Amino acid sequence: MPPWASGALVHSVPARTSHPIKVLWVPNTMPRLPFGRILLRWEPAPEAGWDVTARLGLVTTVVHLATWPAAGDDWPSLVRPTLREVTGLCSAVAVATAALRVATAQPSTRRCPPSETMGAGSREGVPDPARSQPADENGATEDQAL
């Protein structure tokens, strides 16, 4: 690892073990690890192999993810399953968070007109089928337009 680098930022972890894990060198001056990103650092182990450490960026902090002490020269194949699993989980959390923001930021504003909610023979909030518009060839009515 270059002396000016604090580690290697994991860019992608291909499923196939024949493809390398892609990383970007991170300078010592990097302010903070972004959410879901993994920083790898390795240095020679005291007796043999490599001491490999992974740190994970969370929303408000950076946490120790894993350590592989005295890993052999094939350590990338040793760390790959953990890196792949964690990047997948972080992607899922990011998608779920974005979906939750969209769902809570755009509440439904559609209101049924009084003729639909209070019509004779209908329950409150349930449209009266007798007053419903005929469906077009796609099954949509004027009331269903978004």
N, C-alpha and C. Protein backbone atom coordinates (compact mmCIF):
# COMPACT_ATOMS: atom_id res chain seq x y z
N MET A 1 0.85 -1.17 0.00
CA MET A 1 0.00 0.00 0.00
C MET A 1 0.90 1.24 0.00
N PRO A 2 0.54 2.24 -0.78
CA PRO A 2 1.38 3.45 -0.80
C PRO A 2 1.40 4.14 0.57
N PRO A 3 2.48 4.77 0.94
CA PRO A 3 2.56 5.41 2.26
C PRO A 3 1.58 6.57 2.44
N TRP A 4 1.15 7.20 1.35
CA TRP A 4 0.21 8.33 1.43
C TRP A 4 -1.24 7.88 1.55
N ALA A 5 -1.49 6.58 1.46
CA ALA A 5 -2.87 6.08 1.47
C ALA A 5 -3.28 5.57 2.84
N SER A 6 -4.54 5.85 3.19
CA SER A 6 -5.07 5.31 4.44
C SER A 6 -5.70 3.95 4.22
N GLY A 7 -5.83 3.56 2.95
CA GLY A 7 -6.40 2.26 2.62
C GLY A 7 -6.92 2.27 1.20
N ALA A 8 -7.70 1.26 0.90
CA ALA A 8 -8.27 1.12 -0.44
C ALA A 8 -9.79 1.06 -0.30
N LEU A 9 -10.46 1.97 -0.97
CA LEU A 9 -11.91 2.03 -0.96
C LEU A 9 -12.44 0.98 -1.93
N VAL A 10 -13.29 0.08 -1.44
CA VAL A 10 -13.84 -0.97 -2.28
C VAL A 10 -14.82 -0.34 -3.27
N HIS A 11 -14.55 -0.53 -4.55
CA HIS A 11 -15.39 0.02 -5.60
C HIS A 11 -16.43 -1.00 -6.06
N SER A 12 -16.00 -2.23 -6.27
CA SER A 12 -16.94 -3.30 -6.64
C SER A 12 -16.38 -4.65 -6.25
N VAL A 13 -17.30 -5.57 -5.97
CA VAL A 13 -16.94 -6.92 -5.59
C VAL A 13 -17.69 -7.87 -6.52
N PRO A 14 -17.07 -8.25 -7.64
CA PRO A 14 -17.74 -9.15 -8.57
C PRO A 14 -18.04 -10.50 -7.92
N ALA A 15 -19.12 -11.12 -8.36
CA ALA A 15 -19.50 -12.43 -7.82
C ALA A 15 -18.49 -13.50 -8.21
N ARG A 16 -17.96 -13.39 -9.40
CA ARG A 16 -17.00 -14.39 -9.87
C ARG A 16 -15.65 -14.17 -9.21
N THR A 17 -15.11 -15.22 -8.66
CA THR A 17 -13.82 -15.11 -7.99
C THR A 17 -12.68 -14.92 -8.98
N SER A 18 -12.94 -15.18 -10.26
CA SER A 18 -11.89 -14.96 -11.27
C SER A 18 -11.72 -13.48 -11.60
N HIS A 19 -12.69 -12.65 -11.18
CA HIS A 19 -12.59 -11.20 -11.40
C HIS A 19 -12.07 -10.54 -10.13
N PRO A 20 -11.17 -9.59 -10.28
CA PRO A 20 -10.59 -8.96 -9.08
C PRO A 20 -11.57 -8.01 -8.38
N ILE A 21 -11.34 -7.81 -7.10
CA ILE A 21 -12.08 -6.81 -6.34
C ILE A 21 -11.49 -5.46 -6.76
N LYS A 22 -12.35 -4.55 -7.20
CA LYS A 22 -11.86 -3.25 -7.66
C LYS A 22 -11.83 -2.28 -6.50
N VAL A 23 -10.71 -1.60 -6.35
CA VAL A 23 -10.54 -0.64 -5.26
C VAL A 23 -9.94 0.65 -5.78
N LEU A 24 -10.08 1.69 -4.99
CA LEU A 24 -9.46 3.00 -5.27
C LEU A 24 -8.63 3.37 -4.06
N TRP A 25 -7.41 3.80 -4.30
CA TRP A 25 -6.58 4.24 -3.19
C TRP A 25 -7.19 5.48 -2.56
N VAL A 26 -7.18 5.52 -1.25
CA VAL A 26 -7.74 6.66 -0.52
C VAL A 26 -6.61 7.39 0.20
N PRO A 27 -6.46 8.70 -0.06
CA PRO A 27 -5.39 9.44 0.62
C PRO A 27 -5.69 9.60 2.11
N ASN A 28 -4.62 9.83 2.87
CA ASN A 28 -4.77 10.03 4.32
C ASN A 28 -5.67 11.21 4.65
N THR A 29 -5.86 12.12 3.71
CA THR A 29 -6.64 13.33 3.95
C THR A 29 -8.14 13.15 3.73
N MET A 30 -8.59 11.96 3.37
CA MET A 30 -10.02 11.74 3.15
C MET A 30 -10.78 12.06 4.43
N PRO A 31 -11.82 12.95 4.34
CA PRO A 31 -12.50 13.39 5.56
C PRO A 31 -13.26 12.29 6.30
N ARG A 32 -14.11 11.54 5.60
CA ARG A 32 -14.90 10.50 6.26
C ARG A 32 -15.37 9.50 5.22
N LEU A 33 -15.52 8.29 5.64
CA LEU A 33 -15.97 7.21 4.76
C LEU A 33 -17.48 7.34 4.54
N PRO A 34 -17.94 7.40 3.28
CA PRO A 34 -19.38 7.53 3.02
C PRO A 34 -20.16 6.28 3.43
N PHE A 35 -21.47 6.46 3.60
CA PHE A 35 -22.35 5.36 3.99
C PHE A 35 -22.24 4.19 3.01
N GLY A 36 -22.10 3.00 3.57
CA GLY A 36 -22.08 1.79 2.77
C GLY A 36 -20.77 1.48 2.09
N ARG A 37 -19.79 2.34 2.25
CA ARG A 37 -18.50 2.11 1.60
C ARG A 37 -17.56 1.40 2.58
N ILE A 38 -16.71 0.55 2.03
CA ILE A 38 -15.78 -0.24 2.83
C ILE A 38 -14.36 0.18 2.51
N LEU A 39 -13.59 0.40 3.55
CA LEU A 39 -12.18 0.74 3.41
C LEU A 39 -11.35 -0.44 3.88
N LEU A 40 -10.50 -0.93 3.00
CA LEU A 40 -9.59 -2.03 3.35
C LEU A 40 -8.20 -1.48 3.64
N ARG A 41 -7.58 -2.06 4.62
CA ARG A 41 -6.19 -1.71 4.93
C ARG A 41 -5.45 -3.01 5.21
N TRP A 42 -4.28 -3.15 4.66
CA TRP A 42 -3.50 -4.35 4.92
C TRP A 42 -2.05 -3.97 5.13
N GLU A 43 -1.39 -4.74 5.98
CA GLU A 43 0.02 -4.54 6.26
C GLU A 43 0.62 -5.90 6.61
N PRO A 44 1.91 -6.03 6.45
CA PRO A 44 2.52 -7.33 6.75
C PRO A 44 2.27 -7.75 8.20
N ALA A 45 1.92 -9.00 8.38
CA ALA A 45 1.70 -9.54 9.73
C ALA A 45 3.06 -9.75 10.41
N PRO A 46 3.10 -9.75 11.73
CA PRO A 46 4.39 -9.89 12.42
C PRO A 46 5.18 -11.14 12.03
N GLU A 47 4.51 -12.27 11.88
CA GLU A 47 5.25 -13.49 11.57
C GLU A 47 5.17 -13.86 10.10
N ALA A 48 3.97 -13.90 9.54
CA ALA A 48 3.81 -14.26 8.13
C ALA A 48 2.44 -13.79 7.66
N GLY A 49 2.30 -13.55 6.37
CA GLY A 49 1.02 -13.16 5.80
C GLY A 49 0.72 -11.68 5.97
N TRP A 50 -0.57 -11.37 5.96
CA TRP A 50 -1.04 -9.99 5.99
C TRP A 50 -2.12 -9.82 7.04
N ASP A 51 -2.05 -8.71 7.77
CA ASP A 51 -3.14 -8.32 8.67
C ASP A 51 -4.05 -7.41 7.86
N VAL A 52 -5.27 -7.88 7.62
CA VAL A 52 -6.22 -7.12 6.79
C VAL A 52 -7.35 -6.64 7.69
N THR A 53 -7.70 -5.38 7.54
CA THR A 53 -8.78 -4.78 8.32
C THR A 53 -9.76 -4.11 7.38
N ALA A 54 -11.04 -4.25 7.70
CA ALA A 54 -12.09 -3.59 6.93
C ALA A 54 -12.89 -2.69 7.86
N ARG A 55 -13.15 -1.47 7.38
CA ARG A 55 -13.97 -0.51 8.12
C ARG A 55 -15.15 -0.15 7.24
N LEU A 56 -16.30 0.07 7.86
CA LEU A 56 -17.54 0.34 7.14
C LEU A 56 -18.06 1.72 7.50
N GLY A 57 -18.39 2.50 6.47
CA GLY A 57 -18.98 3.82 6.70
C GLY A 57 -20.47 3.70 6.94
N LEU A 58 -20.93 4.24 8.06
CA LEU A 58 -22.36 4.32 8.37
C LEU A 58 -22.80 5.77 8.27
N VAL A 59 -24.06 6.04 8.51
CA VAL A 59 -24.58 7.40 8.34
C VAL A 59 -23.85 8.39 9.24
N THR A 60 -23.63 8.04 10.49
CA THR A 60 -23.04 9.00 11.42
C THR A 60 -21.64 8.65 11.89
N THR A 61 -21.13 7.48 11.51
CA THR A 61 -19.82 7.08 12.02
C THR A 61 -19.19 6.04 11.09
N VAL A 62 -17.99 5.67 11.42
CA VAL A 62 -17.28 4.59 10.74
C VAL A 62 -17.03 3.51 11.78
N VAL A 63 -17.32 2.26 11.43
CA VAL A 63 -17.17 1.16 12.38
C VAL A 63 -16.18 0.12 11.86
N HIS A 64 -15.62 -0.62 12.80
CA HIS A 64 -14.75 -1.74 12.46
C HIS A 64 -15.64 -2.87 11.97
N LEU A 65 -15.42 -3.32 10.75
CA LEU A 65 -16.24 -4.38 10.16
C LEU A 65 -15.64 -5.75 10.44
N ALA A 66 -14.37 -5.91 10.14
CA ALA A 66 -13.74 -7.22 10.31
C ALA A 66 -12.23 -7.09 10.30
N THR A 67 -11.58 -8.12 10.85
CA THR A 67 -10.13 -8.25 10.81
C THR A 67 -9.79 -9.68 10.42
N TRP A 68 -8.85 -9.81 9.53
CA TRP A 68 -8.34 -11.11 9.14
C TRP A 68 -6.85 -11.11 9.47
N PRO A 69 -6.47 -11.60 10.65
CA PRO A 69 -5.05 -11.56 11.03
C PRO A 69 -4.25 -12.66 10.32
N ALA A 70 -3.04 -12.34 9.97
CA ALA A 70 -2.10 -13.28 9.35
C ALA A 70 -2.71 -14.02 8.17
N ALA A 71 -3.47 -13.30 7.34
CA ALA A 71 -4.07 -13.91 6.14
C ALA A 71 -2.97 -14.19 5.12
N GLY A 72 -3.15 -15.24 4.36
CA GLY A 72 -2.16 -15.60 3.35
C GLY A 72 -2.18 -14.62 2.19
N ASP A 73 -1.30 -14.88 1.23
CA ASP A 73 -1.20 -14.00 0.07
C ASP A 73 -2.47 -14.00 -0.77
N ASP A 74 -3.32 -14.97 -0.61
CA ASP A 74 -4.60 -15.02 -1.34
C ASP A 74 -5.72 -14.39 -0.53
N TRP A 75 -5.39 -13.42 0.34
CA TRP A 75 -6.38 -12.82 1.23
C TRP A 75 -7.57 -12.20 0.50
N PRO A 76 -7.44 -11.70 -0.73
CA PRO A 76 -8.64 -11.17 -1.39
C PRO A 76 -9.77 -12.22 -1.51
N SER A 77 -9.41 -13.48 -1.76
CA SER A 77 -10.46 -14.51 -1.83
C SER A 77 -11.04 -14.80 -0.45
N LEU A 78 -10.28 -14.57 0.59
CA LEU A 78 -10.77 -14.76 1.96
C LEU A 78 -11.76 -13.68 2.36
N VAL A 79 -11.51 -12.43 1.98
CA VAL A 79 -12.37 -11.32 2.40
C VAL A 79 -13.57 -11.10 1.47
N ARG A 80 -13.51 -11.64 0.24
CA ARG A 80 -14.55 -11.41 -0.76
C ARG A 80 -15.97 -11.70 -0.25
N PRO A 81 -16.25 -12.85 0.37
CA PRO A 81 -17.63 -13.11 0.80
C PRO A 81 -18.18 -12.05 1.76
N THR A 82 -17.36 -11.60 2.69
CA THR A 82 -17.80 -10.57 3.64
C THR A 82 -18.05 -9.25 2.91
N LEU A 83 -17.14 -8.87 2.04
CA LEU A 83 -17.30 -7.61 1.31
C LEU A 83 -18.55 -7.64 0.44
N ARG A 84 -18.77 -8.75 -0.22
CA ARG A 84 -19.93 -8.88 -1.11
C ARG A 84 -21.23 -8.81 -0.32
N GLU A 85 -21.29 -9.52 0.79
CA GLU A 85 -22.50 -9.53 1.63
C GLU A 85 -22.80 -8.14 2.19
N VAL A 86 -21.79 -7.48 2.71
CA VAL A 86 -21.99 -6.16 3.32
C VAL A 86 -22.37 -5.11 2.28
N THR A 87 -21.75 -5.12 1.11
CA THR A 87 -22.13 -4.15 0.09
C THR A 87 -23.56 -4.39 -0.37
N GLY A 88 -23.97 -5.65 -0.48
CA GLY A 88 -25.36 -5.96 -0.83
C GLY A 88 -26.33 -5.48 0.22
N LEU A 89 -26.02 -5.70 1.48
CA LEU A 89 -26.89 -5.24 2.57
C LEU A 89 -26.99 -3.72 2.60
N CYS A 90 -25.88 -3.04 2.40
CA CYS A 90 -25.90 -1.57 2.40
C CYS A 90 -26.71 -1.04 1.21
N SER A 91 -26.61 -1.69 0.08
CA SER A 91 -27.43 -1.29 -1.07
C SER A 91 -28.91 -1.47 -0.77
N ALA A 92 -29.25 -2.57 -0.13
CA ALA A 92 -30.65 -2.82 0.23
C ALA A 92 -31.16 -1.77 1.23
N VAL A 93 -30.34 -1.41 2.19
CA VAL A 93 -30.73 -0.38 3.16
C VAL A 93 -30.92 0.96 2.46
N ALA A 94 -30.04 1.29 1.52
CA ALA A 94 -30.16 2.56 0.79
C ALA A 94 -31.45 2.60 -0.03
N VAL A 95 -31.78 1.51 -0.69
CA VAL A 95 -33.02 1.46 -1.49
C VAL A 95 -34.24 1.56 -0.57
N ALA A 96 -34.22 0.83 0.53
CA ALA A 96 -35.35 0.88 1.46
C ALA A 96 -35.51 2.27 2.07
N THR A 97 -34.41 2.92 2.38
CA THR A 97 -34.46 4.28 2.93
C THR A 97 -35.03 5.26 1.91
N ALA A 98 -34.59 5.14 0.67
CA ALA A 98 -35.11 6.03 -0.38
C ALA A 98 -36.60 5.78 -0.60
N ALA A 99 -37.02 4.53 -0.60
CA ALA A 99 -38.44 4.21 -0.78
C ALA A 99 -39.26 4.76 0.38
N LEU A 100 -38.75 4.66 1.57
CA LEU A 100 -39.45 5.20 2.75
C LEU A 100 -39.58 6.71 2.66
N ARG A 101 -38.52 7.38 2.21
CA ARG A 101 -38.59 8.84 2.05
C ARG A 101 -39.64 9.23 1.03
N VAL A 102 -39.68 8.52 -0.08
CA VAL A 102 -40.67 8.82 -1.12
C VAL A 102 -42.07 8.55 -0.58
N ALA A 103 -42.25 7.44 0.10
CA ALA A 103 -43.56 7.08 0.61
C ALA A 103 -44.08 8.07 1.66
N THR A 104 -43.20 8.58 2.49
CA THR A 104 -43.64 9.50 3.54
C THR A 104 -43.67 10.95 3.09
N ALA A 105 -42.92 11.28 2.04
CA ALA A 105 -42.88 12.67 1.58
C ALA A 105 -44.01 12.99 0.62
N GLN A 106 -44.66 12.00 0.04
CA GLN A 106 -45.71 12.24 -0.93
C GLN A 106 -46.99 11.50 -0.53
N PRO A 107 -47.65 11.95 0.53
CA PRO A 107 -48.87 11.26 0.93
C PRO A 107 -49.95 11.43 -0.13
N SER A 108 -50.85 10.49 -0.19
CA SER A 108 -51.94 10.55 -1.17
C SER A 108 -52.82 11.75 -0.87
N THR A 109 -53.08 12.54 -1.90
CA THR A 109 -53.93 13.73 -1.72
C THR A 109 -55.28 13.56 -2.39
N ARG A 110 -55.51 12.40 -3.01
CA ARG A 110 -56.77 12.17 -3.72
C ARG A 110 -57.89 12.00 -2.70
N ARG A 111 -58.93 12.73 -2.90
CA ARG A 111 -60.12 12.62 -2.06
C ARG A 111 -61.29 12.26 -2.95
N CYS A 112 -62.17 11.43 -2.47
CA CYS A 112 -63.37 11.09 -3.24
C CYS A 112 -64.34 12.25 -3.17
N PRO A 113 -64.95 12.60 -4.30
CA PRO A 113 -65.95 13.67 -4.27
C PRO A 113 -67.13 13.23 -3.39
N PRO A 114 -67.86 14.20 -2.83
CA PRO A 114 -68.98 13.86 -1.95
C PRO A 114 -69.98 12.92 -2.62
N SER A 115 -70.19 13.04 -3.92
CA SER A 115 -71.18 12.19 -4.59
C SER A 115 -70.77 10.73 -4.53
N GLU A 116 -69.48 10.45 -4.42
CA GLU A 116 -69.03 9.06 -4.33
C GLU A 116 -69.05 8.56 -2.91
N THR A 117 -68.72 9.41 -1.95
CA THR A 117 -68.60 8.94 -0.58
C THR A 117 -69.92 8.89 0.15
N MET A 118 -70.87 9.71 -0.22
CA MET A 118 -72.13 9.77 0.53
C MET A 118 -73.33 9.39 -0.34
N GLY A 119 -73.11 8.76 -1.51
CA GLY A 119 -74.20 8.40 -2.41
C GLY A 119 -75.14 7.38 -1.78
N ALA A 120 -76.38 7.37 -2.28
CA ALA A 120 -77.37 6.43 -1.76
C ALA A 120 -76.89 5.01 -1.99
N GLY A 121 -77.01 4.17 -0.98
CA GLY A 121 -76.66 2.77 -1.10
C GLY A 121 -75.17 2.50 -1.03
N SER A 122 -74.35 3.48 -0.66
CA SER A 122 -72.92 3.20 -0.55
C SER A 122 -72.45 3.49 0.86
N ARG A 123 -71.39 2.84 1.24
CA ARG A 123 -70.80 3.08 2.56
C ARG A 123 -69.87 4.28 2.45
N GLU A 124 -69.61 4.94 3.55
CA GLU A 124 -68.74 6.11 3.53
C GLU A 124 -67.35 5.71 3.08
N GLY A 125 -66.80 6.44 2.10
CA GLY A 125 -65.47 6.20 1.60
C GLY A 125 -65.41 5.15 0.50
N VAL A 126 -66.52 4.47 0.20
CA VAL A 126 -66.54 3.46 -0.85
C VAL A 126 -67.38 3.99 -2.00
N PRO A 127 -66.83 4.07 -3.20
CA PRO A 127 -67.58 4.61 -4.33
C PRO A 127 -68.83 3.78 -4.62
N ASP A 128 -69.87 4.46 -5.06
CA ASP A 128 -71.13 3.81 -5.45
C ASP A 128 -70.96 3.27 -6.86
N PRO A 129 -71.03 1.92 -7.06
CA PRO A 129 -70.82 1.37 -8.39
C PRO A 129 -71.81 1.91 -9.41
N ALA A 130 -73.00 2.28 -8.98
CA ALA A 130 -74.00 2.80 -9.91
C ALA A 130 -73.56 4.14 -10.48
N ARG A 131 -72.72 4.87 -9.76
CA ARG A 131 -72.27 6.18 -10.22
C ARG A 131 -70.89 6.12 -10.86
N SER A 132 -70.27 4.96 -10.91
CA SER A 132 -68.92 4.84 -11.46
C SER A 132 -68.93 5.04 -12.96
N GLN A 133 -67.85 5.55 -13.48
CA GLN A 133 -67.68 5.78 -14.91
C GLN A 133 -67.33 4.45 -15.58
N PRO A 134 -67.76 4.24 -16.84
CA PRO A 134 -67.35 3.01 -17.52
C PRO A 134 -65.85 3.01 -17.77
N ALA A 135 -65.26 1.83 -17.73
CA ALA A 135 -63.82 1.69 -17.94
C ALA A 135 -63.50 1.77 -19.42
N ASP A 136 -62.30 2.30 -19.73
CA ASP A 136 -61.86 2.31 -21.12
C ASP A 136 -61.22 0.96 -21.44
N GLU A 137 -60.63 0.83 -22.62
CA GLU A 137 -60.09 -0.46 -23.04
C GLU A 137 -58.94 -0.95 -22.15
N ASN A 138 -58.29 -0.04 -21.39
CA ASN A 138 -57.21 -0.43 -20.48
C ASN A 138 -57.70 -0.66 -19.05
N GLY A 139 -59.00 -0.51 -18.84
CA GLY A 139 -59.56 -0.72 -17.51
C GLY A 139 -59.50 0.52 -16.64
N ALA A 140 -59.08 1.66 -17.20
CA ALA A 140 -58.98 2.88 -16.41
C ALA A 140 -60.24 3.72 -16.57
N THR A 141 -60.60 4.42 -15.51
CA THR A 141 -61.70 5.37 -15.56
C THR A 141 -61.12 6.75 -15.29
N GLU A 142 -61.93 7.77 -15.49
CA GLU A 142 -61.45 9.12 -15.20
C GLU A 142 -61.02 9.25 -13.75
N ASP A 143 -61.72 8.57 -12.85
CA ASP A 143 -61.43 8.67 -11.43
C ASP A 143 -60.07 8.06 -11.08
N GLN A 144 -59.53 7.17 -11.91
CA GLN A 144 -58.27 6.49 -11.61
C GLN A 144 -57.07 7.22 -12.19
N ALA A 145 -57.25 8.27 -12.92
CA ALA A 145 -56.12 8.99 -13.54
C ALA A 145 -55.24 9.57 -12.44
N LEU A 146 -53.98 9.44 -12.63
CA LEU A 146 -53.03 9.97 -11.63
C LEU A 146 -52.34 11.19 -12.16
